[in-house]
Amino acid sequence: MHSVGYTPNRQQVKEMIGKLDTAKKGYVTLEEFSEVLKPREIKGDVRNEATTAFAKMNADKSGKISFGDLKRVLMELGENLSDEQIKAMIQVADKDNDGQVSYAEFMDMMYQAKQM
């Protein structure tokens, strides 16, 4: 969330997770997480914000967000998700089933979230 210019405190993050985790599974999926970004996307330049977020997640500059990239970002945000939960988040956006999220897949996910 910091990557797209939104800096919530811990309490705000807990409140967001509580609101988004409608199934009360104890975590938020990538699809649910994209709901948090929706209001920000409408206000700002979606492509620039999404590109910045992708670049920050893709620290090794491989062109894809890997399991390790997503896990690192989630840990930086104070989220303690299991490996299975992180893999499930990747699967939401991973259209070519290579286990990673490419820039195109990430942008598709961001634009789909905006349309919801």
PDB file of N, CA and C in Angstrom:
ATOM      1  N   MET A   1       0.818  -1.176   0.000  1.00  0.00           N
ATOM      2  CA  MET A   1       0.000   0.000   0.000  1.00  0.00           C
ATOM      3  C   MET A   1       0.873   1.255   0.000  1.00  0.00           C
ATOM      4  N   HIS A   2       2.006   1.151   0.649  1.00  0.00           N
ATOM      5  CA  HIS A   2       2.940   2.268   0.625  1.00  0.00           C
ATOM      6  C   HIS A   2       3.372   2.543  -0.812  1.00  0.00           C
ATOM      7  N   SER A   3       3.441   1.495  -1.605  1.00  0.00           N
ATOM      8  CA  SER A   3       3.904   1.617  -2.984  1.00  0.00           C
ATOM      9  C   SER A   3       3.003   2.495  -3.830  1.00  0.00           C
ATOM     10  N   VAL A   4       1.740   2.591  -3.452  1.00  0.00           N
ATOM     11  CA  VAL A   4       0.811   3.419  -4.217  1.00  0.00           C
ATOM     12  C   VAL A   4       0.446   4.690  -3.471  1.00  0.00           C
ATOM     13  N   GLY A   5       1.261   5.056  -2.473  1.00  0.00           N
ATOM     14  CA  GLY A   5       1.085   6.328  -1.807  1.00  0.00           C
ATOM     15  C   GLY A   5       0.118   6.342  -0.637  1.00  0.00           C
ATOM     16  N   TYR A   6      -0.301   5.203  -0.156  1.00  0.00           N
ATOM     17  CA  TYR A   6      -1.207   5.131   0.986  1.00  0.00           C
ATOM     18  C   TYR A   6      -0.449   4.548   2.164  1.00  0.00           C
ATOM     19  N   THR A   7      -0.396   5.295   3.278  1.00  0.00           N
ATOM     20  CA  THR A   7       0.402   4.879   4.420  1.00  0.00           C
ATOM     21  C   THR A   7      -0.481   4.745   5.663  1.00  0.00           C
ATOM     22  N   PRO A   8      -1.194   3.639   5.779  1.00  0.00           N
ATOM     23  CA  PRO A   8      -2.054   3.449   6.948  1.00  0.00           C
ATOM     24  C   PRO A   8      -1.238   3.040   8.169  1.00  0.00           C
ATOM     25  N   ASN A   9      -1.781   3.337   9.363  1.00  0.00           N
ATOM     26  CA  ASN A   9      -1.128   2.847  10.580  1.00  0.00           C
ATOM     27  C   ASN A   9      -1.643   1.433  10.862  1.00  0.00           C
ATOM     28  N   ARG A  10      -1.092   0.776  11.867  1.00  0.00           N
ATOM     29  CA  ARG A  10      -1.460  -0.623  12.156  1.00  0.00           C
ATOM     30  C   ARG A  10      -2.961  -0.779  12.404  1.00  0.00           C
ATOM     31  N   GLN A  11      -3.549   0.148  13.130  1.00  0.00           N
ATOM     32  CA  GLN A  11      -4.975   0.053  13.420  1.00  0.00           C
ATOM     33  C   GLN A  11      -5.798   0.143  12.135  1.00  0.00           C
ATOM     34  N   GLN A  12      -5.432   1.039  11.233  1.00  0.00           N
ATOM     35  CA  GLN A  12      -6.137   1.169   9.969  1.00  0.00           C
ATOM     36  C   GLN A  12      -6.013  -0.105   9.144  1.00  0.00           C
ATOM     37  N   VAL A  13      -4.828  -0.716   9.164  1.00  0.00           N
ATOM     38  CA  VAL A  13      -4.627  -1.972   8.436  1.00  0.00           C
ATOM     39  C   VAL A  13      -5.526  -3.057   9.016  1.00  0.00           C
ATOM     40  N   LYS A  14      -5.572  -3.169  10.346  1.00  0.00           N
ATOM     41  CA  LYS A  14      -6.432  -4.172  10.987  1.00  0.00           C
ATOM     42  C   LYS A  14      -7.894  -3.948  10.627  1.00  0.00           C
ATOM     43  N   GLU A  15      -8.329  -2.685  10.618  1.00  0.00           N
ATOM     44  CA  GLU A  15      -9.707  -2.366  10.261  1.00  0.00           C
ATOM     45  C   GLU A  15      -9.996  -2.747   8.814  1.00  0.00           C
ATOM     46  N   MET A  16      -9.050  -2.455   7.909  1.00  0.00           N
ATOM     47  CA  MET A  16      -9.237  -2.812   6.499  1.00  0.00           C
ATOM     48  C   MET A  16      -9.338  -4.319   6.329  1.00  0.00           C
ATOM     49  N   ILE A  17      -8.451  -5.048   6.985  1.00  0.00           N
ATOM     50  CA  ILE A  17      -8.481  -6.510   6.887  1.00  0.00           C
ATOM     51  C   ILE A  17      -9.809  -7.021   7.410  1.00  0.00           C
ATOM     52  N   GLY A  18     -10.270  -6.475   8.541  1.00  0.00           N
ATOM     53  CA  GLY A  18     -11.549  -6.886   9.099  1.00  0.00           C
ATOM     54  C   GLY A  18     -12.710  -6.652   8.146  1.00  0.00           C
ATOM     55  N   LYS A  19     -12.681  -5.520   7.446  1.00  0.00           N
ATOM     56  CA  LYS A  19     -13.748  -5.196   6.492  1.00  0.00           C
ATOM     57  C   LYS A  19     -13.674  -6.057   5.234  1.00  0.00           C
ATOM     58  N   LEU A  20     -12.460  -6.313   4.759  1.00  0.00           N
ATOM     59  CA  LEU A  20     -12.292  -7.044   3.505  1.00  0.00           C
ATOM     60  C   LEU A  20     -12.398  -8.549   3.668  1.00  0.00           C
ATOM     61  N   ASP A  21     -12.050  -9.053   4.824  1.00  0.00           N
ATOM     62  CA  ASP A  21     -12.055 -10.496   5.072  1.00  0.00           C
ATOM     63  C   ASP A  21     -13.467 -10.940   5.433  1.00  0.00           C
ATOM     64  N   THR A  22     -14.356 -10.881   4.450  1.00  0.00           N
ATOM     65  CA  THR A  22     -15.767 -11.173   4.692  1.00  0.00           C
ATOM     66  C   THR A  22     -16.009 -12.623   5.082  1.00  0.00           C
ATOM     67  N   ALA A  23     -15.164 -13.526   4.645  1.00  0.00           N
ATOM     68  CA  ALA A  23     -15.318 -14.946   4.984  1.00  0.00           C
ATOM     69  C   ALA A  23     -14.682 -15.275   6.332  1.00  0.00           C
ATOM     70  N   LYS A  24     -14.058 -14.270   6.953  1.00  0.00           N
ATOM     71  CA  LYS A  24     -13.408 -14.430   8.261  1.00  0.00           C
ATOM     72  C   LYS A  24     -12.403 -15.575   8.263  1.00  0.00           C
ATOM     73  N   LYS A  25     -11.563 -15.584   7.224  1.00  0.00           N
ATOM     74  CA  LYS A  25     -10.547 -16.628   7.089  1.00  0.00           C
ATOM     75  C   LYS A  25      -9.218 -16.232   7.730  1.00  0.00           C
ATOM     76  N   GLY A  26      -9.131 -14.989   8.191  1.00  0.00           N
ATOM     77  CA  GLY A  26      -7.935 -14.543   8.883  1.00  0.00           C
ATOM     78  C   GLY A  26      -6.895 -13.901   7.988  1.00  0.00           C
ATOM     79  N   TYR A  27      -7.183 -13.758   6.708  1.00  0.00           N
ATOM     80  CA  TYR A  27      -6.262 -13.102   5.778  1.00  0.00           C
ATOM     81  C   TYR A  27      -7.067 -12.510   4.628  1.00  0.00           C
ATOM     82  N   VAL A  28      -6.420 -11.659   3.876  1.00  0.00           N
ATOM     83  CA  VAL A  28      -7.042 -11.006   2.734  1.00  0.00           C
ATOM     84  C   VAL A  28      -6.371 -11.508   1.469  1.00  0.00           C
ATOM     85  N   THR A  29      -7.154 -11.952   0.525  1.00  0.00           N
ATOM     86  CA  THR A  29      -6.603 -12.413  -0.751  1.00  0.00           C
ATOM     87  C   THR A  29      -6.160 -11.219  -1.583  1.00  0.00           C
ATOM     88  N   LEU A  30      -5.388 -11.471  -2.607  1.00  0.00           N
ATOM     89  CA  LEU A  30      -4.943 -10.400  -3.489  1.00  0.00           C
ATOM     90  C   LEU A  30      -6.151  -9.708  -4.117  1.00  0.00           C
ATOM     91  N   GLU A  31      -7.147 -10.475  -4.476  1.00  0.00           N
ATOM     92  CA  GLU A  31      -8.363  -9.909  -5.067  1.00  0.00           C
ATOM     93  C   GLU A  31      -9.056  -8.978  -4.067  1.00  0.00           C
ATOM     94  N   GLU A  32      -9.147  -9.414  -2.814  1.00  0.00           N
ATOM     95  CA  GLU A  32      -9.743  -8.575  -1.779  1.00  0.00           C
ATOM     96  C   GLU A  32      -8.881  -7.342  -1.520  1.00  0.00           C
ATOM     97  N   PHE A  33      -7.570  -7.527  -1.522  1.00  0.00           N
ATOM     98  CA  PHE A  33      -6.639  -6.426  -1.289  1.00  0.00           C
ATOM     99  C   PHE A  33      -6.792  -5.347  -2.353  1.00  0.00           C
ATOM    100  N   SER A  34      -7.050  -5.763  -3.585  1.00  0.00           N
ATOM    101  CA  SER A  34      -7.194  -4.785  -4.660  1.00  0.00           C
ATOM    102  C   SER A  34      -8.359  -3.842  -4.396  1.00  0.00           C
ATOM    103  N   GLU A  35      -9.329  -4.266  -3.589  1.00  0.00           N
ATOM    104  CA  GLU A  35     -10.438  -3.401  -3.217  1.00  0.00           C
ATOM    105  C   GLU A  35      -9.949  -2.178  -2.445  1.00  0.00           C
ATOM    106  N   VAL A  36      -8.917  -2.344  -1.645  1.00  0.00           N
ATOM    107  CA  VAL A  36      -8.365  -1.234  -0.866  1.00  0.00           C
ATOM    108  C   VAL A  36      -7.818  -0.172  -1.800  1.00  0.00           C
ATOM    109  N   LEU A  37      -7.254  -0.595  -2.908  1.00  0.00           N
ATOM    110  CA  LEU A  37      -6.614   0.345  -3.827  1.00  0.00           C
ATOM    111  C   LEU A  37      -7.602   1.050  -4.740  1.00  0.00           C
ATOM    112  N   LYS A  38      -8.798   0.522  -4.868  1.00  0.00           N
ATOM    113  CA  LYS A  38      -9.743   1.060  -5.822  1.00  0.00           C
ATOM    114  C   LYS A  38      -9.982   2.566  -5.667  1.00  0.00           C
ATOM    115  N   PRO A  39     -10.269   3.089  -4.480  1.00  0.00           N
ATOM    116  CA  PRO A  39     -10.472   4.533  -4.388  1.00  0.00           C
ATOM    117  C   PRO A  39      -9.241   5.345  -4.786  1.00  0.00           C
ATOM    118  N   ARG A  40      -8.045   4.862  -4.474  1.00  0.00           N
ATOM    119  CA  ARG A  40      -6.818   5.561  -4.837  1.00  0.00           C
ATOM    120  C   ARG A  40      -6.646   5.575  -6.350  1.00  0.00           C
ATOM    121  N   GLU A  41      -7.018   4.500  -7.014  1.00  0.00           N
ATOM    122  CA  GLU A  41      -6.848   4.427  -8.459  1.00  0.00           C
ATOM    123  C   GLU A  41      -7.698   5.464  -9.169  1.00  0.00           C
ATOM    124  N   ILE A  42      -8.876   5.691  -8.680  1.00  0.00           N
ATOM    125  CA  ILE A  42      -9.781   6.629  -9.326  1.00  0.00           C
ATOM    126  C   ILE A  42      -9.236   8.054  -9.195  1.00  0.00           C
ATOM    127  N   LYS A  43      -8.632   8.381  -8.064  1.00  0.00           N
ATOM    128  CA  LYS A  43      -8.141   9.737  -7.808  1.00  0.00           C
ATOM    129  C   LYS A  43      -6.845  10.051  -8.555  1.00  0.00           C
ATOM    130  N   GLY A  44      -5.982   9.067  -8.714  1.00  0.00           N
ATOM    131  CA  GLY A  44      -4.656   9.344  -9.268  1.00  0.00           C
ATOM    132  C   GLY A  44      -4.449   8.727 -10.629  1.00  0.00           C
ATOM    133  N   ASP A  45      -3.235   8.820 -11.085  1.00  0.00           N
ATOM    134  CA  ASP A  45      -2.851   8.231 -12.359  1.00  0.00           C
ATOM    135  C   ASP A  45      -2.613   6.746 -12.130  1.00  0.00           C
ATOM    136  N   VAL A  46      -3.575   5.933 -12.539  1.00  0.00           N
ATOM    137  CA  VAL A  46      -3.547   4.495 -12.281  1.00  0.00           C
ATOM    138  C   VAL A  46      -2.280   3.848 -12.824  1.00  0.00           C
ATOM    139  N   ARG A  47      -1.955   4.127 -14.041  1.00  0.00           N
ATOM    140  CA  ARG A  47      -0.792   3.473 -14.650  1.00  0.00           C
ATOM    141  C   ARG A  47       0.488   3.796 -13.888  1.00  0.00           C
ATOM    142  N   ASN A  48       0.708   5.057 -13.536  1.00  0.00           N
ATOM    143  CA  ASN A  48       1.931   5.424 -12.821  1.00  0.00           C
ATOM    144  C   ASN A  48       1.982   4.806 -11.429  1.00  0.00           C
ATOM    145  N   GLU A  49       0.868   4.838 -10.717  1.00  0.00           N
ATOM    146  CA  GLU A  49       0.834   4.258  -9.372  1.00  0.00           C
ATOM    147  C   GLU A  49       1.053   2.747  -9.430  1.00  0.00           C
ATOM    148  N   ALA A  50       0.391   2.086 -10.374  1.00  0.00           N
ATOM    149  CA  ALA A  50       0.535   0.641 -10.495  1.00  0.00           C
ATOM    150  C   ALA A  50       1.944   0.268 -10.927  1.00  0.00           C
ATOM    151  N   THR A  51       2.522   1.043 -11.828  1.00  0.00           N
ATOM    152  CA  THR A  51       3.887   0.789 -12.277  1.00  0.00           C
ATOM    153  C   THR A  51       4.870   0.959 -11.119  1.00  0.00           C
ATOM    154  N   THR A  52       4.666   1.982 -10.307  1.00  0.00           N
ATOM    155  CA  THR A  52       5.520   2.197  -9.141  1.00  0.00           C
ATOM    156  C   THR A  52       5.388   1.048  -8.155  1.00  0.00           C
ATOM    157  N   ALA A  53       4.149   0.620  -7.906  1.00  0.00           N
ATOM    158  CA  ALA A  53       3.914  -0.498  -6.987  1.00  0.00           C
ATOM    159  C   ALA A  53       4.585  -1.768  -7.506  1.00  0.00           C
ATOM    160  N   PHE A  54       4.446  -2.031  -8.796  1.00  0.00           N
ATOM    161  CA  PHE A  54       5.060  -3.223  -9.390  1.00  0.00           C
ATOM    162  C   PHE A  54       6.577  -3.159  -9.233  1.00  0.00           C
ATOM    163  N   ALA A  55       7.164  -2.015  -9.526  1.00  0.00           N
ATOM    164  CA  ALA A  55       8.621  -1.877  -9.441  1.00  0.00           C
ATOM    165  C   ALA A  55       9.125  -2.110  -8.018  1.00  0.00           C
ATOM    166  N   LYS A  56       8.384  -1.620  -7.032  1.00  0.00           N
ATOM    167  CA  LYS A  56       8.804  -1.812  -5.647  1.00  0.00           C
ATOM    168  C   LYS A  56       8.676  -3.268  -5.223  1.00  0.00           C
ATOM    169  N   MET A  57       7.677  -3.957  -5.745  1.00  0.00           N
ATOM    170  CA  MET A  57       7.531  -5.376  -5.412  1.00  0.00           C
ATOM    171  C   MET A  57       8.554  -6.221  -6.156  1.00  0.00           C
ATOM    172  N   ASN A  58       8.926  -5.804  -7.352  1.00  0.00           N
ATOM    173  CA  ASN A  58       9.852  -6.542  -8.201  1.00  0.00           C
ATOM    174  C   ASN A  58      11.280  -6.033  -7.986  1.00  0.00           C
ATOM    175  N   ALA A  59      11.758  -6.181  -6.757  1.00  0.00           N
ATOM    176  CA  ALA A  59      13.056  -5.619  -6.359  1.00  0.00           C
ATOM    177  C   ALA A  59      14.223  -6.174  -7.165  1.00  0.00           C
ATOM    178  N   ASP A  60      14.131  -7.429  -7.606  1.00  0.00           N
ATOM    179  CA  ASP A  60      15.242  -8.018  -8.358  1.00  0.00           C
ATOM    180  C   ASP A  60      15.208  -7.659  -9.841  1.00  0.00           C
ATOM    181  N   LYS A  61      14.213  -6.875 -10.228  1.00  0.00           N
ATOM    182  CA  LYS A  61      14.075  -6.379 -11.606  1.00  0.00           C
ATOM    183  C   LYS A  61      13.966  -7.501 -12.646  1.00  0.00           C
ATOM    184  N   SER A  62      13.392  -8.623 -12.231  1.00  0.00           N
ATOM    185  CA  SER A  62      13.214  -9.756 -13.144  1.00  0.00           C
ATOM    186  C   SER A  62      12.052  -9.547 -14.108  1.00  0.00           C
ATOM    187  N   GLY A  63      11.201  -8.577 -13.815  1.00  0.00           N
ATOM    188  CA  GLY A  63      10.028  -8.349 -14.651  1.00  0.00           C
ATOM    189  C   GLY A  63       8.816  -9.120 -14.170  1.00  0.00           C
ATOM    190  N   LYS A  64       8.971  -9.829 -13.065  1.00  0.00           N
ATOM    191  CA  LYS A  64       7.860 -10.604 -12.506  1.00  0.00           C
ATOM    192  C   LYS A  64       7.904 -10.526 -10.991  1.00  0.00           C
ATOM    193  N   ILE A  65       6.719 -10.531 -10.388  1.00  0.00           N
ATOM    194  CA  ILE A  65       6.622 -10.580  -8.932  1.00  0.00           C
ATOM    195  C   ILE A  65       6.609 -12.048  -8.544  1.00  0.00           C
ATOM    196  N   SER A  66       7.631 -12.450  -7.834  1.00  0.00           N
ATOM    197  CA  SER A  66       7.759 -13.849  -7.416  1.00  0.00           C
ATOM    198  C   SER A  66       7.135 -14.040  -6.039  1.00  0.00           C
ATOM    199  N   PHE A  67       7.080 -15.280  -5.628  1.00  0.00           N
ATOM    200  CA  PHE A  67       6.636 -15.619  -4.284  1.00  0.00           C
ATOM    201  C   PHE A  67       7.466 -14.857  -3.254  1.00  0.00           C
ATOM    202  N   GLY A  68       8.784 -14.867  -3.428  1.00  0.00           N
ATOM    203  CA  GLY A  68       9.685 -14.190  -2.503  1.00  0.00           C
ATOM    204  C   GLY A  68       9.444 -12.683  -2.459  1.00  0.00           C
ATOM    205  N   ASP A  69       9.187 -12.086  -3.637  1.00  0.00           N
ATOM    206  CA  ASP A  69       8.908 -10.652  -3.703  1.00  0.00           C
ATOM    207  C   ASP A  69       7.656 -10.306  -2.896  1.00  0.00           C
ATOM    208  N   LEU A  70       6.587 -11.067  -3.130  1.00  0.00           N
ATOM    209  CA  LEU A  70       5.331 -10.793  -2.449  1.00  0.00           C
ATOM    210  C   LEU A  70       5.457 -11.042  -0.953  1.00  0.00           C
ATOM    211  N   LYS A  71       6.156 -12.099  -0.584  1.00  0.00           N
ATOM    212  CA  LYS A  71       6.347 -12.402   0.834  1.00  0.00           C
ATOM    213  C   LYS A  71       7.099 -11.266   1.525  1.00  0.00           C
ATOM    214  N   ARG A  72       8.144 -10.743   0.872  1.00  0.00           N
ATOM    215  CA  ARG A  72       8.926  -9.641   1.434  1.00  0.00           C
ATOM    216  C   ARG A  72       8.052  -8.415   1.648  1.00  0.00           C
ATOM    217  N   VAL A  73       7.253  -8.058   0.650  1.00  0.00           N
ATOM    218  CA  VAL A  73       6.390  -6.882   0.760  1.00  0.00           C
ATOM    219  C   VAL A  73       5.368  -7.067   1.878  1.00  0.00           C
ATOM    220  N   LEU A  74       4.775  -8.236   1.948  1.00  0.00           N
ATOM    221  CA  LEU A  74       3.790  -8.492   2.999  1.00  0.00           C
ATOM    222  C   LEU A  74       4.429  -8.407   4.380  1.00  0.00           C
ATOM    223  N   MET A  75       5.636  -8.929   4.517  1.00  0.00           N
ATOM    224  CA  MET A  75       6.343  -8.843   5.804  1.00  0.00           C
ATOM    225  C   MET A  75       6.648  -7.390   6.151  1.00  0.00           C
ATOM    226  N   GLU A  76       7.045  -6.596   5.153  1.00  0.00           N
ATOM    227  CA  GLU A  76       7.314  -5.173   5.385  1.00  0.00           C
ATOM    228  C   GLU A  76       6.062  -4.449   5.861  1.00  0.00           C
ATOM    229  N   LEU A  77       4.905  -4.928   5.410  1.00  0.00           N
ATOM    230  CA  LEU A  77       3.635  -4.326   5.813  1.00  0.00           C
ATOM    231  C   LEU A  77       3.128  -4.884   7.139  1.00  0.00           C
ATOM    232  N   GLY A  78       3.880  -5.819   7.708  1.00  0.00           N
ATOM    233  CA  GLY A  78       3.483  -6.394   8.990  1.00  0.00           C
ATOM    234  C   GLY A  78       2.502  -7.535   8.880  1.00  0.00           C
ATOM    235  N   GLU A  79       2.314  -8.053   7.672  1.00  0.00           N
ATOM    236  CA  GLU A  79       1.397  -9.175   7.460  1.00  0.00           C
ATOM    237  C   GLU A  79       2.166 -10.478   7.612  1.00  0.00           C
ATOM    238  N   ASN A  80       1.620 -11.394   8.358  1.00  0.00           N
ATOM    239  CA  ASN A  80       2.260 -12.686   8.586  1.00  0.00           C
ATOM    240  C   ASN A  80       1.390 -13.783   7.987  1.00  0.00           C
ATOM    241  N   LEU A  81       1.475 -13.935   6.677  1.00  0.00           N
ATOM    242  CA  LEU A  81       0.672 -14.936   5.981  1.00  0.00           C
ATOM    243  C   LEU A  81       1.484 -16.204   5.771  1.00  0.00           C
ATOM    244  N   SER A  82       0.780 -17.310   5.688  1.00  0.00           N
ATOM    245  CA  SER A  82       1.453 -18.580   5.420  1.00  0.00           C
ATOM    246  C   SER A  82       1.902 -18.616   3.963  1.00  0.00           C
ATOM    247  N   ASP A  83       2.826 -19.515   3.667  1.00  0.00           N
ATOM    248  CA  ASP A  83       3.280 -19.678   2.283  1.00  0.00           C
ATOM    249  C   ASP A  83       2.115 -20.039   1.374  1.00  0.00           C
ATOM    250  N   GLU A  84       1.199 -20.852   1.870  1.00  0.00           N
ATOM    251  CA  GLU A  84       0.038 -21.268   1.063  1.00  0.00           C
ATOM    252  C   GLU A  84      -0.845 -20.064   0.738  1.00  0.00           C
ATOM    253  N   GLN A  85      -1.021 -19.169   1.695  1.00  0.00           N
ATOM    254  CA  GLN A  85      -1.833 -17.987   1.469  1.00  0.00           C
ATOM    255  C   GLN A  85      -1.184 -17.062   0.438  1.00  0.00           C
ATOM    256  N   ILE A  86       0.122 -16.933   0.513  1.00  0.00           N
ATOM    257  CA  ILE A  86       0.835 -16.085  -0.444  1.00  0.00           C
ATOM    258  C   ILE A  86       0.760 -16.692  -1.841  1.00  0.00           C
ATOM    259  N   LYS A  87       0.920 -18.002  -1.929  1.00  0.00           N
ATOM    260  CA  LYS A  87       0.793 -18.669  -3.232  1.00  0.00           C
ATOM    261  C   LYS A  87      -0.600 -18.474  -3.810  1.00  0.00           C
ATOM    262  N   ALA A  88      -1.613 -18.520  -2.953  1.00  0.00           N
ATOM    263  CA  ALA A  88      -2.993 -18.315  -3.416  1.00  0.00           C
ATOM    264  C   ALA A  88      -3.180 -16.899  -3.952  1.00  0.00           C
ATOM    265  N   MET A  89      -2.545 -15.930  -3.318  1.00  0.00           N
ATOM    266  CA  MET A  89      -2.627 -14.550  -3.799  1.00  0.00           C
ATOM    267  C   MET A  89      -2.011 -14.427  -5.190  1.00  0.00           C
ATOM    268  N   ILE A  90      -0.893 -15.079  -5.387  1.00  0.00           N
ATOM    269  CA  ILE A  90      -0.237 -15.038  -6.698  1.00  0.00           C
ATOM    270  C   ILE A  90      -1.119 -15.690  -7.758  1.00  0.00           C
ATOM    271  N   GLN A  91      -1.744 -16.796  -7.411  1.00  0.00           N
ATOM    272  CA  GLN A  91      -2.584 -17.517  -8.367  1.00  0.00           C
ATOM    273  C   GLN A  91      -3.738 -16.678  -8.893  1.00  0.00           C
ATOM    274  N   VAL A  92      -4.222 -15.724  -8.094  1.00  0.00           N
ATOM    275  CA  VAL A  92      -5.329 -14.869  -8.532  1.00  0.00           C
ATOM    276  C   VAL A  92      -4.960 -14.094  -9.797  1.00  0.00           C
ATOM    277  N   ALA A  93      -3.741 -13.582  -9.856  1.00  0.00           N
ATOM    278  CA  ALA A  93      -3.326 -12.749 -10.991  1.00  0.00           C
ATOM    279  C   ALA A  93      -2.516 -13.499 -12.037  1.00  0.00           C
ATOM    280  N   ASP A  94      -2.011 -14.676 -11.705  1.00  0.00           N
ATOM    281  CA  ASP A  94      -1.083 -15.428 -12.564  1.00  0.00           C
ATOM    282  C   ASP A  94      -1.834 -16.165 -13.671  1.00  0.00           C
ATOM    283  N   LYS A  95      -2.055 -15.474 -14.784  1.00  0.00           N
ATOM    284  CA  LYS A  95      -2.842 -16.053 -15.883  1.00  0.00           C
ATOM    285  C   LYS A  95      -2.096 -17.115 -16.679  1.00  0.00           C
ATOM    286  N   ASP A  96      -0.763 -17.009 -16.743  1.00  0.00           N
ATOM    287  CA  ASP A  96      -0.019 -18.004 -17.532  1.00  0.00           C
ATOM    288  C   ASP A  96       0.492 -19.166 -16.678  1.00  0.00           C
ATOM    289  N   ASN A  97       0.108 -19.185 -15.412  1.00  0.00           N
ATOM    290  CA  ASN A  97       0.424 -20.283 -14.495  1.00  0.00           C
ATOM    291  C   ASN A  97       1.915 -20.595 -14.372  1.00  0.00           C
ATOM    292  N   ASP A  98       2.744 -19.540 -14.386  1.00  0.00           N
ATOM    293  CA  ASP A  98       4.177 -19.772 -14.204  1.00  0.00           C
ATOM    294  C   ASP A  98       4.612 -19.557 -12.752  1.00  0.00           C
ATOM    295  N   GLY A  99       3.638 -19.272 -11.873  1.00  0.00           N
ATOM    296  CA  GLY A  99       3.949 -19.092 -10.462  1.00  0.00           C
ATOM    297  C   GLY A  99       4.425 -17.699 -10.100  1.00  0.00           C
ATOM    298  N   GLN A 100       4.382 -16.791 -11.061  1.00  0.00           N
ATOM    299  CA  GLN A 100       4.808 -15.411 -10.849  1.00  0.00           C
ATOM    300  C   GLN A 100       3.804 -14.476 -11.512  1.00  0.00           C
ATOM    301  N   VAL A 101       3.857 -13.212 -11.145  1.00  0.00           N
ATOM    302  CA  VAL A 101       2.946 -12.225 -11.729  1.00  0.00           C
ATOM    303  C   VAL A 101       3.764 -11.267 -12.582  1.00  0.00           C
ATOM    304  N   SER A 102       3.517 -11.306 -13.879  1.00  0.00           N
ATOM    305  CA  SER A 102       4.218 -10.411 -14.806  1.00  0.00           C
ATOM    306  C   SER A 102       3.623  -9.008 -14.704  1.00  0.00           C
ATOM    307  N   TYR A 103       4.303  -8.062 -15.305  1.00  0.00           N
ATOM    308  CA  TYR A 103       3.806  -6.683 -15.328  1.00  0.00           C
ATOM    309  C   TYR A 103       2.422  -6.635 -15.981  1.00  0.00           C
ATOM    310  N   ALA A 104       2.256  -7.321 -17.100  1.00  0.00           N
ATOM    311  CA  ALA A 104       0.962  -7.322 -17.799  1.00  0.00           C
ATOM    312  C   ALA A 104      -0.130  -7.929 -16.921  1.00  0.00           C
ATOM    313  N   GLU A 105       0.180  -9.022 -16.247  1.00  0.00           N
ATOM    314  CA  GLU A 105      -0.799  -9.657 -15.354  1.00  0.00           C
ATOM    315  C   GLU A 105      -1.155  -8.728 -14.198  1.00  0.00           C
ATOM    316  N   PHE A 106      -0.138  -8.055 -13.657  1.00  0.00           N
ATOM    317  CA  PHE A 106      -0.353  -7.122 -12.554  1.00  0.00           C
ATOM    318  C   PHE A 106      -1.246  -5.964 -13.001  1.00  0.00           C
ATOM    319  N   MET A 107      -0.943  -5.410 -14.178  1.00  0.00           N
ATOM    320  CA  MET A 107      -1.744  -4.296 -14.690  1.00  0.00           C
ATOM    321  C   MET A 107      -3.175  -4.746 -14.972  1.00  0.00           C
ATOM    322  N   ASP A 108      -3.350  -5.944 -15.527  1.00  0.00           N
ATOM    323  CA  ASP A 108      -4.703  -6.474 -15.753  1.00  0.00           C
ATOM    324  C   ASP A 108      -5.471  -6.556 -14.446  1.00  0.00           C
ATOM    325  N   MET A 109      -4.809  -7.059 -13.405  1.00  0.00           N
ATOM    326  CA  MET A 109      -5.452  -7.182 -12.099  1.00  0.00           C
ATOM    327  C   MET A 109      -5.840  -5.810 -11.564  1.00  0.00           C
ATOM    328  N   MET A 110      -4.948  -4.834 -11.699  1.00  0.00           N
ATOM    329  CA  MET A 110      -5.226  -3.490 -11.189  1.00  0.00           C
ATOM    330  C   MET A 110      -6.400  -2.853 -11.938  1.00  0.00           C
ATOM    331  N   TYR A 111      -6.435  -3.013 -13.245  1.00  0.00           N
ATOM    332  CA  TYR A 111      -7.528  -2.426 -14.020  1.00  0.00           C
ATOM    333  C   TYR A 111      -8.842  -3.155 -13.778  1.00  0.00           C
ATOM    334  N   GLN A 112      -8.804  -4.456 -13.569  1.00  0.00           N
ATOM    335  CA  GLN A 112     -10.026  -5.190 -13.230  1.00  0.00           C
ATOM    336  C   GLN A 112     -10.559  -4.715 -11.896  1.00  0.00           C
ATOM    337  N   ALA A 113      -9.664  -4.476 -10.944  1.00  0.00           N
ATOM    338  CA  ALA A 113     -10.077  -3.980  -9.627  1.00  0.00           C
ATOM    339  C   ALA A 113     -10.744  -2.606  -9.771  1.00  0.00           C
ATOM    340  N   LYS A 114     -10.227  -1.795 -10.660  1.00  0.00           N
ATOM    341  CA  LYS A 114     -10.803  -0.460 -10.864  1.00  0.00           C
ATOM    342  C   LYS A 114     -12.215  -0.563 -11.421  1.00  0.00           C
ATOM    343  N   GLN A 115     -12.471  -1.563 -12.243  1.00  0.00           N
ATOM    344  CA  GLN A 115     -13.776  -1.728 -12.878  1.00  0.00           C
ATOM    345  C   GLN A 115     -14.845  -2.274 -11.929  1.00  0.00           C
ATOM    346  N   MET A 116     -14.429  -2.856 -10.815  1.00  0.00           N
ATOM    347  CA  MET A 116     -15.386  -3.464  -9.867  1.00  0.00           C
ATOM    348  C   MET A 116     -16.238  -2.421  -9.183  1.00  0.00           C
TER     349      MET A 116
END
